[in-house]
Amino acid sequence: MRIHSAVLARTGEFSSNTSLAKWLRRSGIDLIEVPDAVSLCAAACTRLEAPDLAVIGSDWIQQNERQVVDYVRQAWPDAIILVHGRDADAYCGRSTMTIDSPAKLQRLLATAPDIILTEYQAYMTVSANDVDEGRASLRELDRGAGALTATRR
């Protein structure tokens, strides 16, 4: 499987947003960029087909916008959500992968975007055995890029 489409909310640090957009485009992924959390919610309401990947920066999301990740999860249940930024781990939840440091982001950018899908699928396969009443613990993946933390709830 491949990642064919992505939505990037430019709510992270400028350089991170720019690097992620270039990385996704260079790989031939159909990319839609939105400037903020409100625009991301509007895209989730109006986009007929869910993207394979939703990339959300955590650095510039306002306190009253923090539910945006939950909303995107509900609107696009099959999309993998990648949250990046200093407090990315605060957004962990079902179908969410996080990158909480510039070093991890650089490691991810040195790989192909499909590593997100590969690592997520590997995590979901392993963690399915760990689920207790619908919850699983955080797990740091050490495969591939080694930059992602995936969670399943």
N, C-alpha and C. Protein backbone atom coordinates (compact mmCIF):
# COMPACT_ATOMS: atom_id res chain seq x y z
N MET A 1 0.83 -1.19 0.00
CA MET A 1 0.00 0.00 0.00
C MET A 1 0.87 1.25 0.00
N ARG A 2 0.27 2.31 -0.49
CA ARG A 2 0.98 3.59 -0.56
C ARG A 2 0.09 4.70 0.00
N ILE A 3 0.74 5.77 0.39
CA ILE A 3 0.02 6.99 0.74
C ILE A 3 -0.16 7.77 -0.55
N HIS A 4 -1.41 8.03 -0.92
CA HIS A 4 -1.70 8.75 -2.16
C HIS A 4 -2.10 10.19 -1.92
N SER A 5 -2.74 10.46 -0.77
CA SER A 5 -3.23 11.82 -0.52
C SER A 5 -2.99 12.20 0.93
N ALA A 6 -2.81 13.51 1.12
CA ALA A 6 -2.56 14.02 2.48
C ALA A 6 -3.13 15.43 2.60
N VAL A 7 -3.48 15.78 3.83
CA VAL A 7 -3.86 17.14 4.18
C VAL A 7 -2.85 17.60 5.23
N LEU A 8 -2.28 18.78 5.01
CA LEU A 8 -1.29 19.34 5.94
C LEU A 8 -1.85 20.62 6.53
N ALA A 9 -2.08 20.61 7.84
CA ALA A 9 -2.48 21.83 8.54
C ALA A 9 -1.20 22.56 8.94
N ARG A 10 -1.03 23.77 8.47
CA ARG A 10 0.20 24.53 8.72
C ARG A 10 0.14 25.17 10.11
N THR A 11 -0.04 24.32 11.11
CA THR A 11 -0.16 24.77 12.50
C THR A 11 1.08 24.44 13.32
N GLY A 12 2.14 24.05 12.64
CA GLY A 12 3.41 23.78 13.29
C GLY A 12 4.39 24.91 12.99
N GLU A 13 5.61 24.72 13.42
CA GLU A 13 6.65 25.70 13.11
C GLU A 13 6.79 25.83 11.60
N PHE A 14 7.06 27.04 11.12
CA PHE A 14 7.12 27.32 9.69
C PHE A 14 8.07 26.37 8.96
N SER A 15 9.27 26.19 9.50
CA SER A 15 10.24 25.34 8.81
C SER A 15 9.78 23.89 8.76
N SER A 16 9.13 23.41 9.80
CA SER A 16 8.61 22.04 9.81
C SER A 16 7.49 21.88 8.78
N ASN A 17 6.58 22.85 8.75
CA ASN A 17 5.49 22.81 7.77
C ASN A 17 6.05 22.76 6.35
N THR A 18 7.01 23.64 6.08
CA THR A 18 7.60 23.73 4.74
C THR A 18 8.31 22.44 4.37
N SER A 19 9.09 21.90 5.30
CA SER A 19 9.82 20.65 5.03
C SER A 19 8.87 19.49 4.77
N LEU A 20 7.82 19.38 5.57
CA LEU A 20 6.85 18.30 5.39
C LEU A 20 6.12 18.43 4.05
N ALA A 21 5.73 19.65 3.68
CA ALA A 21 5.04 19.86 2.41
C ALA A 21 5.94 19.47 1.23
N LYS A 22 7.18 19.91 1.26
CA LYS A 22 8.12 19.56 0.18
C LYS A 22 8.33 18.05 0.11
N TRP A 23 8.48 17.42 1.24
CA TRP A 23 8.71 15.98 1.33
C TRP A 23 7.54 15.21 0.73
N LEU A 24 6.32 15.61 1.07
CA LEU A 24 5.14 14.93 0.55
C LEU A 24 4.98 15.16 -0.95
N ARG A 25 5.16 16.40 -1.39
CA ARG A 25 5.03 16.70 -2.82
C ARG A 25 6.10 16.00 -3.67
N ARG A 26 7.32 16.01 -3.17
CA ARG A 26 8.43 15.38 -3.88
C ARG A 26 8.16 13.88 -4.09
N SER A 27 7.37 13.31 -3.20
CA SER A 27 7.04 11.88 -3.30
C SER A 27 5.80 11.62 -4.14
N GLY A 28 5.24 12.67 -4.73
CA GLY A 28 4.09 12.51 -5.60
C GLY A 28 2.77 12.34 -4.88
N ILE A 29 2.71 12.73 -3.64
CA ILE A 29 1.48 12.62 -2.87
C ILE A 29 0.60 13.84 -3.14
N ASP A 30 -0.67 13.60 -3.42
CA ASP A 30 -1.64 14.68 -3.63
C ASP A 30 -1.82 15.40 -2.30
N LEU A 31 -1.41 16.67 -2.23
CA LEU A 31 -1.38 17.39 -0.96
C LEU A 31 -2.30 18.59 -0.99
N ILE A 32 -3.11 18.71 0.03
CA ILE A 32 -3.91 19.90 0.27
C ILE A 32 -3.36 20.53 1.54
N GLU A 33 -3.03 21.82 1.48
CA GLU A 33 -2.54 22.54 2.66
C GLU A 33 -3.62 23.50 3.15
N VAL A 34 -3.79 23.54 4.47
CA VAL A 34 -4.72 24.48 5.09
C VAL A 34 -3.95 25.29 6.12
N PRO A 35 -4.34 26.57 6.32
CA PRO A 35 -3.53 27.44 7.17
C PRO A 35 -3.73 27.30 8.67
N ASP A 36 -4.84 26.73 9.12
CA ASP A 36 -5.11 26.71 10.56
C ASP A 36 -6.09 25.59 10.91
N ALA A 37 -6.38 25.47 12.22
CA ALA A 37 -7.25 24.41 12.71
C ALA A 37 -8.67 24.55 12.18
N VAL A 38 -9.17 25.77 12.09
CA VAL A 38 -10.53 25.99 11.59
C VAL A 38 -10.64 25.53 10.14
N SER A 39 -9.65 25.86 9.33
CA SER A 39 -9.65 25.43 7.93
C SER A 39 -9.53 23.92 7.80
N LEU A 40 -8.82 23.29 8.71
CA LEU A 40 -8.72 21.83 8.71
C LEU A 40 -10.09 21.22 8.99
N CYS A 41 -10.80 21.77 9.95
CA CYS A 41 -12.15 21.27 10.25
C CYS A 41 -13.08 21.47 9.05
N ALA A 42 -12.96 22.61 8.39
CA ALA A 42 -13.78 22.87 7.20
C ALA A 42 -13.46 21.86 6.11
N ALA A 43 -12.19 21.55 5.92
CA ALA A 43 -11.80 20.55 4.92
C ALA A 43 -12.38 19.18 5.28
N ALA A 44 -12.36 18.85 6.57
CA ALA A 44 -12.90 17.56 7.02
C ALA A 44 -14.41 17.49 6.77
N CYS A 45 -15.08 18.64 6.84
CA CYS A 45 -16.54 18.68 6.60
C CYS A 45 -16.87 18.57 5.12
N THR A 46 -16.03 19.14 4.26
CA THR A 46 -16.40 19.29 2.86
C THR A 46 -15.70 18.34 1.91
N ARG A 47 -14.60 17.75 2.31
CA ARG A 47 -13.87 16.85 1.42
C ARG A 47 -14.61 15.52 1.34
N LEU A 48 -14.98 15.13 0.15
CA LEU A 48 -15.78 13.92 -0.02
C LEU A 48 -14.99 12.65 0.26
N GLU A 49 -13.74 12.62 -0.14
CA GLU A 49 -12.91 11.45 0.07
C GLU A 49 -11.85 11.76 1.13
N ALA A 50 -11.74 10.90 2.11
CA ALA A 50 -10.77 11.11 3.18
C ALA A 50 -9.35 10.93 2.65
N PRO A 51 -8.41 11.74 3.13
CA PRO A 51 -7.01 11.53 2.74
C PRO A 51 -6.46 10.30 3.45
N ASP A 52 -5.36 9.79 2.94
CA ASP A 52 -4.68 8.68 3.62
C ASP A 52 -3.98 9.18 4.88
N LEU A 53 -3.57 10.45 4.86
CA LEU A 53 -2.76 11.00 5.94
C LEU A 53 -3.20 12.43 6.24
N ALA A 54 -3.33 12.75 7.52
CA ALA A 54 -3.58 14.12 7.96
C ALA A 54 -2.40 14.53 8.84
N VAL A 55 -1.70 15.59 8.45
CA VAL A 55 -0.51 16.05 9.17
C VAL A 55 -0.88 17.35 9.88
N ILE A 56 -0.71 17.37 11.20
CA ILE A 56 -1.12 18.51 12.01
C ILE A 56 0.03 18.95 12.90
N GLY A 57 0.40 20.23 12.83
CA GLY A 57 1.41 20.77 13.72
C GLY A 57 0.78 21.14 15.05
N SER A 58 1.46 20.85 16.14
CA SER A 58 0.89 21.16 17.47
C SER A 58 1.36 22.50 18.02
N ASP A 59 2.35 23.12 17.39
CA ASP A 59 2.97 24.31 17.97
C ASP A 59 2.08 25.54 18.01
N TRP A 60 1.20 25.70 17.02
CA TRP A 60 0.41 26.93 16.94
C TRP A 60 -1.08 26.68 17.07
N ILE A 61 -1.46 25.55 17.61
CA ILE A 61 -2.88 25.29 17.87
C ILE A 61 -3.23 25.98 19.19
N GLN A 62 -4.26 26.79 19.13
CA GLN A 62 -4.71 27.51 20.32
C GLN A 62 -5.38 26.54 21.30
N GLN A 63 -5.40 26.91 22.56
CA GLN A 63 -6.00 26.06 23.60
C GLN A 63 -7.43 25.66 23.24
N ASN A 64 -8.21 26.60 22.71
CA ASN A 64 -9.61 26.30 22.38
C ASN A 64 -9.76 25.52 21.08
N GLU A 65 -8.66 25.18 20.41
CA GLU A 65 -8.70 24.41 19.17
C GLU A 65 -8.15 23.00 19.33
N ARG A 66 -7.83 22.63 20.55
CA ARG A 66 -7.15 21.35 20.78
C ARG A 66 -7.98 20.12 20.41
N GLN A 67 -9.28 20.26 20.25
CA GLN A 67 -10.11 19.12 19.87
C GLN A 67 -10.03 18.83 18.37
N VAL A 68 -9.25 19.62 17.64
CA VAL A 68 -9.19 19.43 16.18
C VAL A 68 -8.74 18.02 15.82
N VAL A 69 -7.82 17.44 16.56
CA VAL A 69 -7.35 16.09 16.25
C VAL A 69 -8.48 15.09 16.43
N ASP A 70 -9.26 15.23 17.50
CA ASP A 70 -10.40 14.34 17.72
C ASP A 70 -11.43 14.50 16.60
N TYR A 71 -11.66 15.72 16.18
CA TYR A 71 -12.63 15.97 15.11
C TYR A 71 -12.17 15.32 13.80
N VAL A 72 -10.89 15.49 13.48
CA VAL A 72 -10.35 14.89 12.25
C VAL A 72 -10.46 13.37 12.33
N ARG A 73 -10.19 12.80 13.50
CA ARG A 73 -10.33 11.35 13.70
C ARG A 73 -11.75 10.89 13.41
N GLN A 74 -12.73 11.67 13.87
CA GLN A 74 -14.13 11.30 13.64
C GLN A 74 -14.53 11.47 12.17
N ALA A 75 -14.08 12.56 11.56
CA ALA A 75 -14.45 12.85 10.17
C ALA A 75 -13.78 11.89 9.19
N TRP A 76 -12.53 11.54 9.46
CA TRP A 76 -11.75 10.67 8.57
C TRP A 76 -11.23 9.47 9.37
N PRO A 77 -12.09 8.53 9.74
CA PRO A 77 -11.67 7.44 10.62
C PRO A 77 -10.58 6.53 10.05
N ASP A 78 -10.45 6.48 8.73
CA ASP A 78 -9.45 5.62 8.12
C ASP A 78 -8.12 6.31 7.86
N ALA A 79 -8.07 7.62 8.08
CA ALA A 79 -6.83 8.37 7.84
C ALA A 79 -5.86 8.18 9.01
N ILE A 80 -4.60 8.12 8.68
CA ILE A 80 -3.56 8.12 9.71
C ILE A 80 -3.31 9.59 10.04
N ILE A 81 -3.26 9.90 11.32
CA ILE A 81 -3.03 11.28 11.75
C ILE A 81 -1.61 11.36 12.29
N LEU A 82 -0.84 12.29 11.74
CA LEU A 82 0.53 12.52 12.18
C LEU A 82 0.58 13.91 12.82
N VAL A 83 0.85 13.98 14.11
CA VAL A 83 0.96 15.25 14.82
C VAL A 83 2.43 15.49 15.09
N HIS A 84 2.90 16.69 14.73
CA HIS A 84 4.31 17.02 14.95
C HIS A 84 4.42 18.32 15.74
N GLY A 85 5.46 18.42 16.54
CA GLY A 85 5.71 19.64 17.31
C GLY A 85 6.12 19.34 18.73
N ARG A 86 6.42 20.41 19.45
CA ARG A 86 6.95 20.27 20.82
C ARG A 86 6.04 19.47 21.74
N ASP A 87 4.74 19.71 21.68
CA ASP A 87 3.83 19.00 22.59
C ASP A 87 2.94 18.01 21.84
N ALA A 88 3.49 17.39 20.82
CA ALA A 88 2.72 16.45 19.99
C ALA A 88 2.14 15.31 20.80
N ASP A 89 2.85 14.85 21.81
CA ASP A 89 2.37 13.71 22.59
C ASP A 89 1.06 14.01 23.32
N ALA A 90 0.73 15.28 23.51
CA ALA A 90 -0.53 15.64 24.16
C ALA A 90 -1.73 15.27 23.29
N TYR A 91 -1.48 14.98 22.01
CA TYR A 91 -2.55 14.68 21.06
C TYR A 91 -2.66 13.20 20.74
N CYS A 92 -1.98 12.36 21.50
CA CYS A 92 -2.02 10.93 21.24
C CYS A 92 -3.43 10.40 21.35
N GLY A 93 -3.73 9.47 20.51
CA GLY A 93 -5.04 8.84 20.54
C GLY A 93 -5.15 7.84 19.41
N ARG A 94 -6.34 7.34 19.19
CA ARG A 94 -6.59 6.36 18.15
C ARG A 94 -6.12 6.85 16.79
N SER A 95 -5.41 6.03 16.07
CA SER A 95 -4.93 6.33 14.71
C SER A 95 -4.03 7.55 14.66
N THR A 96 -3.26 7.76 15.70
CA THR A 96 -2.40 8.94 15.76
C THR A 96 -0.94 8.53 15.90
N MET A 97 -0.09 9.18 15.12
CA MET A 97 1.36 9.02 15.25
C MET A 97 1.92 10.39 15.59
N THR A 98 2.97 10.43 16.38
CA THR A 98 3.51 11.72 16.81
C THR A 98 5.01 11.82 16.56
N ILE A 99 5.45 13.04 16.32
CA ILE A 99 6.87 13.38 16.22
C ILE A 99 7.06 14.59 17.12
N ASP A 100 7.81 14.41 18.20
CA ASP A 100 7.90 15.47 19.20
C ASP A 100 9.24 16.17 19.29
N SER A 101 10.12 15.96 18.30
CA SER A 101 11.41 16.65 18.34
C SER A 101 11.91 16.90 16.92
N PRO A 102 12.71 17.96 16.74
CA PRO A 102 13.28 18.24 15.41
C PRO A 102 14.14 17.08 14.89
N ALA A 103 14.85 16.38 15.78
CA ALA A 103 15.70 15.27 15.35
C ALA A 103 14.84 14.13 14.77
N LYS A 104 13.73 13.84 15.42
CA LYS A 104 12.84 12.79 14.90
C LYS A 104 12.23 13.21 13.57
N LEU A 105 11.89 14.49 13.44
CA LEU A 105 11.35 14.97 12.17
C LEU A 105 12.38 14.82 11.06
N GLN A 106 13.62 15.15 11.32
CA GLN A 106 14.68 15.02 10.31
C GLN A 106 14.88 13.57 9.91
N ARG A 107 14.80 12.65 10.87
CA ARG A 107 14.92 11.22 10.54
C ARG A 107 13.77 10.78 9.64
N LEU A 108 12.57 11.27 9.94
CA LEU A 108 11.43 10.93 9.10
C LEU A 108 11.60 11.48 7.69
N LEU A 109 12.04 12.73 7.57
CA LEU A 109 12.20 13.37 6.26
C LEU A 109 13.28 12.71 5.41
N ALA A 110 14.14 11.94 6.03
CA ALA A 110 15.21 11.24 5.30
C ALA A 110 14.70 9.92 4.70
N THR A 111 13.45 9.57 4.95
CA THR A 111 12.86 8.34 4.42
C THR A 111 11.77 8.68 3.42
N ALA A 112 11.14 7.66 2.89
CA ALA A 112 9.98 7.84 2.01
C ALA A 112 8.72 7.98 2.87
N PRO A 113 7.74 8.78 2.45
CA PRO A 113 6.51 8.94 3.25
C PRO A 113 5.79 7.64 3.56
N ASP A 114 5.94 6.65 2.72
CA ASP A 114 5.25 5.39 2.98
C ASP A 114 5.74 4.70 4.25
N ILE A 115 6.86 5.16 4.82
CA ILE A 115 7.33 4.60 6.09
C ILE A 115 6.28 4.83 7.18
N ILE A 116 5.51 5.92 7.06
CA ILE A 116 4.45 6.19 8.04
C ILE A 116 3.43 5.06 7.99
N LEU A 117 3.02 4.69 6.80
CA LEU A 117 2.05 3.62 6.64
C LEU A 117 2.61 2.30 7.11
N THR A 118 3.84 2.01 6.74
CA THR A 118 4.49 0.76 7.13
C THR A 118 4.60 0.64 8.65
N GLU A 119 5.07 1.71 9.30
CA GLU A 119 5.24 1.66 10.75
C GLU A 119 3.89 1.63 11.46
N TYR A 120 2.93 2.35 10.94
CA TYR A 120 1.61 2.35 11.55
C TYR A 120 0.97 0.96 11.46
N GLN A 121 1.05 0.34 10.29
CA GLN A 121 0.48 -1.00 10.13
C GLN A 121 1.18 -2.00 11.04
N ALA A 122 2.50 -1.89 11.16
CA ALA A 122 3.25 -2.80 12.04
C ALA A 122 2.82 -2.60 13.48
N TYR A 123 2.66 -1.35 13.87
CA TYR A 123 2.24 -1.06 15.24
C TYR A 123 0.84 -1.62 15.50
N MET A 124 -0.08 -1.37 14.57
CA MET A 124 -1.46 -1.81 14.78
C MET A 124 -1.53 -3.33 14.86
N THR A 125 -0.72 -4.04 14.10
CA THR A 125 -0.70 -5.49 14.14
C THR A 125 -0.22 -5.98 15.50
N VAL A 126 0.87 -5.40 16.00
CA VAL A 126 1.41 -5.80 17.29
C VAL A 126 0.48 -5.39 18.42
N SER A 127 0.00 -4.15 18.39
CA SER A 127 -0.77 -3.64 19.51
C SER A 127 -2.17 -4.25 19.59
N ALA A 128 -2.66 -4.82 18.51
CA ALA A 128 -3.98 -5.44 18.56
C ALA A 128 -4.01 -6.53 19.62
N ASN A 129 -2.89 -7.16 19.86
CA ASN A 129 -2.81 -8.19 20.90
C ASN A 129 -2.72 -7.61 22.30
N ASP A 130 -2.38 -6.31 22.41
CA ASP A 130 -2.21 -5.66 23.71
C ASP A 130 -3.46 -4.94 24.19
N VAL A 131 -4.47 -4.88 23.35
CA VAL A 131 -5.64 -4.08 23.69
C VAL A 131 -6.40 -4.72 24.83
N ASP A 132 -6.68 -3.92 25.85
CA ASP A 132 -7.44 -4.37 27.00
C ASP A 132 -8.61 -3.41 27.15
N GLU A 133 -9.79 -3.87 26.84
CA GLU A 133 -10.99 -3.03 26.89
C GLU A 133 -10.84 -1.78 26.03
N GLY A 134 -10.25 -1.96 24.84
CA GLY A 134 -10.17 -0.87 23.89
C GLY A 134 -8.99 0.07 24.07
N ARG A 135 -8.08 -0.21 24.98
CA ARG A 135 -6.95 0.68 25.21
C ARG A 135 -5.65 -0.08 25.02
N ALA A 136 -4.64 0.62 24.57
CA ALA A 136 -3.29 0.05 24.49
C ALA A 136 -2.32 1.12 24.94
N SER A 137 -1.20 0.72 25.43
CA SER A 137 -0.22 1.68 25.92
C SER A 137 0.57 2.30 24.77
N LEU A 138 1.17 3.46 25.06
CA LEU A 138 2.05 4.09 24.08
C LEU A 138 3.22 3.17 23.80
N ARG A 139 3.67 3.19 22.58
CA ARG A 139 4.81 2.36 22.22
C ARG A 139 5.69 3.12 21.25
N GLU A 140 6.97 3.16 21.52
CA GLU A 140 7.92 3.79 20.60
C GLU A 140 8.33 2.75 19.58
N LEU A 141 8.12 3.03 18.34
CA LEU A 141 8.51 2.10 17.28
C LEU A 141 9.99 2.25 16.99
N ASP A 142 10.67 1.15 16.86
CA ASP A 142 12.10 1.22 16.57
C ASP A 142 12.42 0.66 15.19
N ARG A 143 11.41 0.54 14.35
CA ARG A 143 11.63 0.10 12.98
C ARG A 143 11.82 1.31 12.08
N GLY A 144 12.28 1.07 10.89
CA GLY A 144 12.32 2.11 9.85
C GLY A 144 12.96 3.38 10.32
N ALA A 145 12.21 4.48 10.26
CA ALA A 145 12.75 5.78 10.60
C ALA A 145 13.02 5.91 12.08
N GLY A 146 12.32 5.16 12.90
CA GLY A 146 12.50 5.26 14.34
C GLY A 146 12.10 6.61 14.88
N ALA A 147 11.33 7.37 14.13
CA ALA A 147 10.99 8.72 14.53
C ALA A 147 9.58 8.83 15.05
N LEU A 148 8.79 7.81 14.88
CA LEU A 148 7.38 7.93 15.15
C LEU A 148 6.98 7.20 16.42
N THR A 149 6.02 7.78 17.11
CA THR A 149 5.37 7.12 18.21
C THR A 149 3.93 6.92 17.79
N ALA A 150 3.44 5.71 17.83
CA ALA A 150 2.07 5.43 17.43
C ALA A 150 1.25 5.04 18.64
N THR A 151 -0.01 5.40 18.61
CA THR A 151 -0.90 5.03 19.71
C THR A 151 -2.19 4.48 19.17
N ARG A 152 -2.80 3.64 19.97
CA ARG A 152 -4.11 3.11 19.61
C ARG A 152 -4.93 3.08 20.87
N ARG A 153 -6.11 3.64 20.85
CA ARG A 153 -7.01 3.61 22.01
C ARG A 153 -8.32 3.02 21.64
